[in-house]
Protein backbone atom coordinates (compact mmCIF):
# COMPACT_ATOMS: atom_id res chain seq x y z
CA MET A 1 -8.07 156.26 22.59
CA ILE A 2 -5.04 154.00 22.47
CA THR A 3 -2.16 156.28 23.36
CA ARG A 4 0.91 156.69 21.15
CA ASN A 5 3.13 155.80 24.10
CA HIS A 6 1.24 152.51 24.54
CA CYS A 7 1.52 151.79 20.83
CA ARG A 8 5.24 152.60 20.73
CA THR A 9 5.87 150.39 23.76
CA ALA A 10 4.03 147.53 22.10
CA ALA A 11 5.74 148.25 18.80
CA VAL A 12 9.26 147.70 20.02
CA PHE A 13 8.41 144.22 21.24
CA VAL A 14 6.59 143.40 18.03
CA ALA A 15 9.58 144.43 15.99
CA SER A 16 12.45 143.28 18.15
CA THR A 17 11.21 139.74 18.57
CA MET A 18 8.86 139.58 15.58
CA LEU A 19 5.96 139.61 17.84
CA ALA A 20 7.55 138.38 21.07
CA THR A 21 6.63 140.62 24.00
CA ALA A 22 8.53 141.76 27.04
CA CYS A 23 5.83 143.67 28.85
CA SER A 24 3.20 141.12 29.82
CA PRO A 25 2.41 141.05 33.55
CA PRO A 26 3.27 138.02 35.66
CA SER A 27 0.46 135.75 36.69
CA GLY A 28 -1.92 137.52 39.06
CA ALA A 29 -0.37 140.98 38.61
CA PRO A 30 -2.30 144.02 37.34
CA HIS A 31 -1.49 145.08 33.78
CA ALA A 32 0.58 148.25 33.77
CA SER A 33 -0.05 149.22 30.16
CA VAL A 34 -3.82 149.41 29.89
CA ALA A 35 -4.78 152.48 27.87
CA PRO A 36 -7.86 154.49 28.89
CA VAL A 37 -10.64 155.26 26.43
CA PRO A 38 -11.91 158.86 26.71
CA SER A 39 -15.69 159.34 26.71
CA ALA A 40 -17.46 161.91 24.56
CA THR A 41 -17.03 164.44 27.38
CA GLY A 42 -13.29 163.82 27.59
CA ALA A 43 -13.45 161.86 30.84
CA VAL A 44 -11.70 158.53 31.03
CA ASN A 45 -14.07 155.69 30.22
CA ARG A 46 -12.38 152.37 30.88
CA ALA A 47 -13.94 149.14 31.95
CA PRO A 48 -12.21 147.67 35.02
CA VAL A 49 -9.70 144.94 34.22
CA SER A 50 -9.59 141.77 36.29
CA ILE A 51 -6.90 139.11 36.00
CA ALA A 52 -7.35 135.48 37.01
CA THR A 53 -5.40 132.29 36.50
CA HIS A 54 -7.39 129.19 35.52
CA THR A 55 -6.16 125.61 35.48
CA VAL A 56 -7.54 123.48 32.68
CA THR A 57 -6.81 119.86 31.83
CA VAL A 58 -6.15 118.78 28.26
CA ALA A 59 -5.75 115.21 27.04
CA GLY A 60 -2.14 114.45 26.18
CA VAL A 61 -0.93 117.64 27.84
CA GLY A 62 -2.21 117.52 31.41
CA ALA A 63 -2.92 120.49 33.65
CA VAL A 64 -2.23 123.92 32.15
CA GLU A 65 -2.38 127.28 33.92
CA VAL A 66 -3.83 130.10 31.81
CA THR A 67 -3.78 133.72 32.93
CA VAL A 68 -6.74 135.68 31.55
CA SER A 69 -7.43 139.43 31.64
CA GLU A 70 -11.09 140.35 31.43
CA ARG A 71 -12.92 143.62 30.92
CA GLY A 72 -16.44 144.75 30.00
CA ALA A 73 -19.79 142.97 29.97
CA GLY A 74 -21.98 141.64 27.18
CA ARG A 75 -21.27 139.47 24.14
CA THR A 76 -18.06 137.50 24.65
CA PHE A 77 -14.91 138.08 22.61
CA LEU A 78 -11.87 135.84 23.13
CA VAL A 79 -8.94 137.91 21.82
CA LEU A 80 -5.74 135.96 21.13
CA HIS A 81 -2.47 137.85 20.95
CA GLY A 82 0.36 137.25 18.54
CA GLY A 83 4.00 136.84 19.46
CA ALA A 84 4.02 140.38 20.89
CA GLY A 85 2.05 139.06 23.82
CA PRO A 86 -0.92 140.59 25.65
CA ILE A 87 0.40 144.14 25.39
CA SER A 88 -0.24 144.05 21.63
CA VAL A 89 -3.99 143.61 22.20
CA ALA A 90 -4.50 145.23 25.63
CA GLY A 91 -5.26 148.72 24.34
CA PHE A 92 -7.59 147.34 21.70
CA ALA A 93 -9.34 145.17 24.30
CA ASP A 94 -9.94 148.32 26.36
CA LEU A 95 -11.38 150.07 23.31
CA LEU A 96 -13.64 147.13 22.48
CA GLY A 97 -14.79 146.59 26.06
CA ALA A 98 -15.48 150.26 26.79
CA SER A 99 -17.09 151.31 23.53
CA HIS A 100 -19.97 148.85 23.25
CA ASP A 101 -21.63 145.87 24.85
CA ALA A 102 -18.74 143.41 25.02
CA ARG A 103 -17.06 141.10 27.48
CA VAL A 104 -13.45 140.82 26.34
CA LEU A 105 -11.13 138.03 27.49
CA THR A 106 -7.44 138.21 26.60
CA PRO A 107 -5.48 135.15 27.71
CA THR A 108 -1.70 135.06 27.90
CA HIS A 109 -0.40 132.07 25.97
CA PRO A 110 1.48 129.87 28.46
CA GLY A 111 5.18 130.68 28.29
CA PHE A 112 4.65 134.38 27.56
CA GLY A 113 4.88 137.10 30.16
CA GLY A 114 6.62 134.97 32.73
CA THR A 115 3.82 132.41 32.82
CA PRO A 116 4.60 128.68 33.04
CA ARG A 117 4.40 126.41 29.99
CA PRO A 118 4.26 122.64 30.54
CA ASP A 119 6.77 120.76 28.39
CA ALA A 120 3.91 118.82 26.82
CA LEU A 121 2.32 122.03 25.52
CA LYS A 122 4.40 122.39 22.39
CA ASN A 123 2.37 123.45 19.36
CA VAL A 124 -0.53 125.55 18.13
CA ALA A 125 -2.97 122.63 18.06
CA ASP A 126 -2.29 121.91 21.73
CA LEU A 127 -2.81 125.57 22.57
CA ALA A 128 -6.14 125.59 20.72
CA ALA A 129 -7.22 122.59 22.80
CA VAL A 130 -6.35 124.54 25.95
CA TYR A 131 -8.63 127.41 24.92
CA VAL A 132 -11.51 125.13 23.96
CA ALA A 133 -11.21 123.59 27.44
CA LEU A 134 -11.14 127.09 28.95
CA LEU A 135 -14.39 128.04 27.17
CA ASP A 136 -15.97 124.89 28.57
CA GLN A 137 -14.70 125.51 32.09
CA LEU A 138 -15.95 129.11 32.09
CA ASP A 139 -19.24 127.98 30.51
CA LEU A 140 -19.08 130.68 27.83
CA HIS A 141 -21.56 130.88 24.95
CA ASP A 142 -21.82 132.75 21.64
CA VAL A 143 -18.11 133.50 21.60
CA THR A 144 -16.41 135.44 18.82
CA VAL A 145 -12.78 134.31 18.66
CA VAL A 146 -10.39 137.02 17.43
CA GLY A 147 -6.73 136.33 16.69
CA ASN A 148 -3.82 138.39 15.39
CA SER A 149 -0.76 136.82 13.73
CA ILE A 150 -0.04 133.48 15.42
CA GLY A 151 -3.15 134.21 17.51
CA GLY A 152 -5.11 133.92 14.27
CA TRP A 153 -3.50 130.56 13.59
CA ILE A 154 -4.59 129.43 17.06
CA ALA A 155 -8.09 130.78 16.39
CA THR A 156 -8.44 128.68 13.23
CA GLU A 157 -7.46 125.55 15.16
CA ILE A 158 -10.11 126.42 17.75
CA ALA A 159 -12.70 126.72 14.97
CA LEU A 160 -11.61 123.36 13.58
CA ARG A 161 -12.57 121.75 16.89
CA HIS A 162 -16.20 122.77 16.24
CA SER A 163 -16.99 123.90 19.76
CA PRO A 164 -20.68 124.88 19.95
CA ARG A 165 -19.58 127.75 22.16
CA VAL A 166 -17.90 129.53 19.22
CA THR A 167 -20.26 131.31 16.83
CA SER A 168 -17.87 133.41 14.71
CA LEU A 169 -14.20 133.90 13.91
CA VAL A 170 -12.14 137.01 13.14
CA LEU A 171 -8.62 136.59 11.76
CA VAL A 172 -6.41 139.68 11.84
CA ASP A 173 -3.32 139.23 9.65
CA ALA A 174 -3.17 135.58 10.69
CA THR A 175 -0.28 133.24 10.00
CA GLY A 176 -0.16 129.46 9.75
CA ILE A 177 -1.00 128.48 6.18
CA ILE A 178 1.39 127.93 3.26
CA VAL A 179 0.76 129.95 0.09
CA GLU A 180 3.11 129.23 -2.80
CA GLY A 181 4.95 132.35 -3.91
CA HIS A 182 3.80 134.30 -0.86
CA PRO A 183 5.73 133.00 2.14
CA VAL A 184 5.30 134.47 5.59
CA ALA A 185 8.45 136.31 6.60
CA ASP A 186 10.54 134.31 9.06
CA PRO A 187 11.05 136.52 12.14
CA PHE A 188 14.11 134.58 13.22
CA SER A 189 16.10 135.39 10.08
CA MET A 190 15.72 139.19 9.83
CA SER A 191 17.25 142.26 11.39
CA LEU A 192 15.28 144.56 13.66
CA GLY A 193 15.11 147.22 10.96
CA GLU A 194 13.66 144.83 8.40
CA LEU A 195 11.12 143.53 10.91
CA MET A 196 9.98 147.08 11.65
CA THR A 197 9.65 147.86 7.96
CA ARG A 198 7.66 144.71 7.30
CA SER A 199 5.39 145.04 10.35
CA TYR A 200 4.04 148.59 10.04
CA TYR A 201 2.41 150.87 7.51
CA ASN A 202 4.47 153.71 9.01
CA PRO A 203 7.37 152.06 10.85
CA ASP A 204 9.12 155.36 11.60
CA ALA A 205 6.25 156.32 13.91
CA PHE A 206 6.99 153.34 16.16
CA ARG A 207 10.76 153.01 16.22
CA ILE A 208 12.35 152.58 19.67
CA ASP A 209 15.93 151.62 20.46
CA PRO A 210 15.63 148.25 22.25
CA SER A 211 19.15 148.66 23.67
CA LYS A 212 17.70 151.30 26.00
CA LEU A 213 15.24 148.88 27.55
CA PRO A 214 15.90 147.63 31.09
CA GLU A 215 17.83 144.38 31.36
CA ALA A 216 14.83 142.56 32.82
CA GLN A 217 12.76 143.40 29.77
CA ARG A 218 15.49 142.26 27.39
CA LYS A 219 15.67 138.93 29.24
CA ALA A 220 11.90 138.60 29.03
CA MET A 221 12.06 139.26 25.30
CA ALA A 222 14.50 136.39 24.87
CA ALA A 223 12.30 134.06 26.90
CA ASN A 224 9.20 135.01 24.93
CA ARG A 225 11.03 134.58 21.66
CA ALA A 226 11.77 131.04 22.80
CA ALA A 227 8.08 130.44 23.54
CA LEU A 228 7.15 131.75 20.08
CA ALA A 229 9.64 129.33 18.52
CA VAL A 230 8.06 126.41 20.39
CA TYR A 231 4.56 127.18 19.16
CA GLY A 232 5.27 128.51 15.68
CA GLY A 233 8.54 126.77 14.82
CA ASN A 234 12.01 128.10 14.09
CA PRO A 235 12.21 128.82 11.26
CA SER A 236 8.56 129.83 11.31
CA VAL A 237 7.01 128.31 8.20
CA GLY A 238 3.46 127.40 9.20
CA ASP A 239 1.50 124.15 9.00
CA PRO A 240 1.46 122.53 5.53
CA THR A 241 -1.86 120.81 6.36
CA LEU A 242 -3.75 123.84 7.67
CA ARG A 243 -4.86 125.43 4.40
CA GLY A 244 -6.55 122.24 3.24
CA ARG A 245 -8.21 121.70 6.60
CA LEU A 246 -9.75 125.17 6.61
CA ALA A 247 -12.54 123.87 4.38
CA GLN A 248 -13.87 122.24 7.55
CA VAL A 249 -14.40 125.57 9.34
CA THR A 250 -18.17 126.03 9.61
CA VAL A 251 -18.57 129.31 11.51
CA PRO A 252 -18.83 132.69 9.74
CA THR A 253 -15.36 134.17 9.42
CA LEU A 254 -14.04 137.68 8.83
CA VAL A 255 -10.46 138.01 7.60
CA LEU A 256 -9.05 141.49 8.26
CA TRP A 257 -5.75 142.43 6.64
CA GLY A 258 -3.49 145.46 6.73
CA GLU A 259 -2.82 146.74 3.23
CA ALA A 260 0.86 147.27 4.08
CA ASP A 261 1.48 143.95 5.83
CA ARG A 262 4.82 142.65 4.61
CA ILE A 263 4.99 139.77 7.06
CA GLY A 264 2.16 138.05 5.23
CA ASP A 265 1.02 140.12 2.25
CA PRO A 266 -2.61 140.78 1.23
CA THR A 267 -2.44 138.01 -1.40
CA TYR A 268 -1.64 135.62 1.44
CA GLY A 269 -4.60 137.03 3.38
CA ARG A 270 -6.96 136.57 0.44
CA ALA A 271 -5.81 132.97 0.12
CA TYR A 272 -6.62 132.48 3.81
CA ALA A 273 -10.15 133.79 3.27
CA ALA A 274 -10.64 131.77 0.08
CA ALA A 275 -9.84 128.55 1.96
CA ILE A 276 -12.67 129.07 4.47
CA PRO A 277 -16.19 128.43 3.12
CA ARG A 278 -18.02 131.22 4.97
CA ALA A 279 -15.23 133.78 5.07
CA ARG A 280 -15.20 137.40 3.96
CA PHE A 281 -11.99 139.35 3.30
CA GLN A 282 -11.61 143.02 4.24
CA LEU A 283 -8.53 145.13 3.54
CA LEU A 284 -7.62 147.78 6.13
CA ALA A 285 -6.10 151.06 4.94
CA ARG A 286 -2.97 152.51 6.52
CA ALA A 287 -2.16 149.37 8.49
CA GLY A 288 0.46 146.64 8.49
CA HIS A 289 0.70 143.36 10.41
CA VAL A 290 -0.80 144.70 13.66
CA PRO A 291 -3.88 146.76 12.67
CA GLN A 292 -5.21 146.72 16.23
CA ILE A 293 -2.28 149.02 17.05
CA GLU A 294 -2.19 151.17 13.91
CA CYS A 295 -5.92 151.49 13.15
CA PRO A 296 -7.81 150.16 16.19
CA GLU A 297 -11.04 151.97 15.39
CA GLN A 298 -11.23 150.38 11.93
CA VAL A 299 -10.78 146.98 13.52
CA ARG A 300 -13.31 147.68 16.26
CA LEU A 301 -16.02 148.78 13.86
CA ALA A 302 -15.46 145.85 11.51
CA LEU A 303 -15.49 143.39 14.40
CA ARG A 304 -18.57 144.92 16.03
CA ASP A 305 -20.65 144.84 12.86
CA PHE A 306 -19.57 141.33 11.97
CA ALA A 307 -20.17 139.87 15.44
CA SER A 308 -23.57 141.53 15.68
CA ALA A 309 -24.62 140.14 12.31
CA HIS A 310 -23.69 136.61 13.31
CA ALA A 311 -24.73 136.53 16.97
CA THR A 312 -27.22 133.87 17.94
CA ASP A 313 -30.56 134.70 19.51
CA HIS A 314 -29.00 133.80 22.87
CA ALA A 315 -26.36 136.51 22.40
CA ARG A 316 -28.80 139.18 21.27
């Protein structure tokens, strides 16, 4: 179970920075917001979480430190957070890792959560190259890459690098493409109230007054908002070339979309799926832009069935 308190904590950062978190742990620190998953008997059933910082080298960027949380064992899932940072996927990663055979890695994008970001690391394509290098360094195989919001944009760029280590792709309300008549809402141009309304199926269930947050968290929110602007742009409009390039994605792809997403609407999501040759689109009921918070079990089941269907013999 992902607790309501965990979801509300994540929600305020999603809304107040349009997916720019304030609660990610510093490098090497334990995550304070991991939600337990009760077993059938009611006892807590949570895979242990380990956190490590890896240094990878990327051409044109240099050495990059990446902090990665890991839980569970089994088939590998690389789960990429949106602008809300690792807290927006931590509870879901617990659910995924504890509920079936899965090894779940959730990296913190450099610059979020107090982590360092080299000046040369300045766009989504660079960040995708970092994660491809990380997969190589960790010698991972049969990886399902999952990304929410800008994390989905990063995931598509990973797929476009055709790493043999990646066998499937799951995009959860991803951003990045341009769809005429259906623009992605620019998080830097809206009020908190509008962001809340656009982000959730039931925004009233997640409203928190950000003015009551500690000063340190408000400062972190500003810093993370700056990191989001570096990667996604300000204003955030996407990559005009990405939609055309998606025809080169060769791995099976599942596009999950909240029916009430008003950051990028379902028509935008269907256009995303239509641009990828082996993609399937699935609409999620009672969810907005962050379904892993509002309907985590729907996302888990869809992801589990899809990854199992497309696992290689090595992964089985």
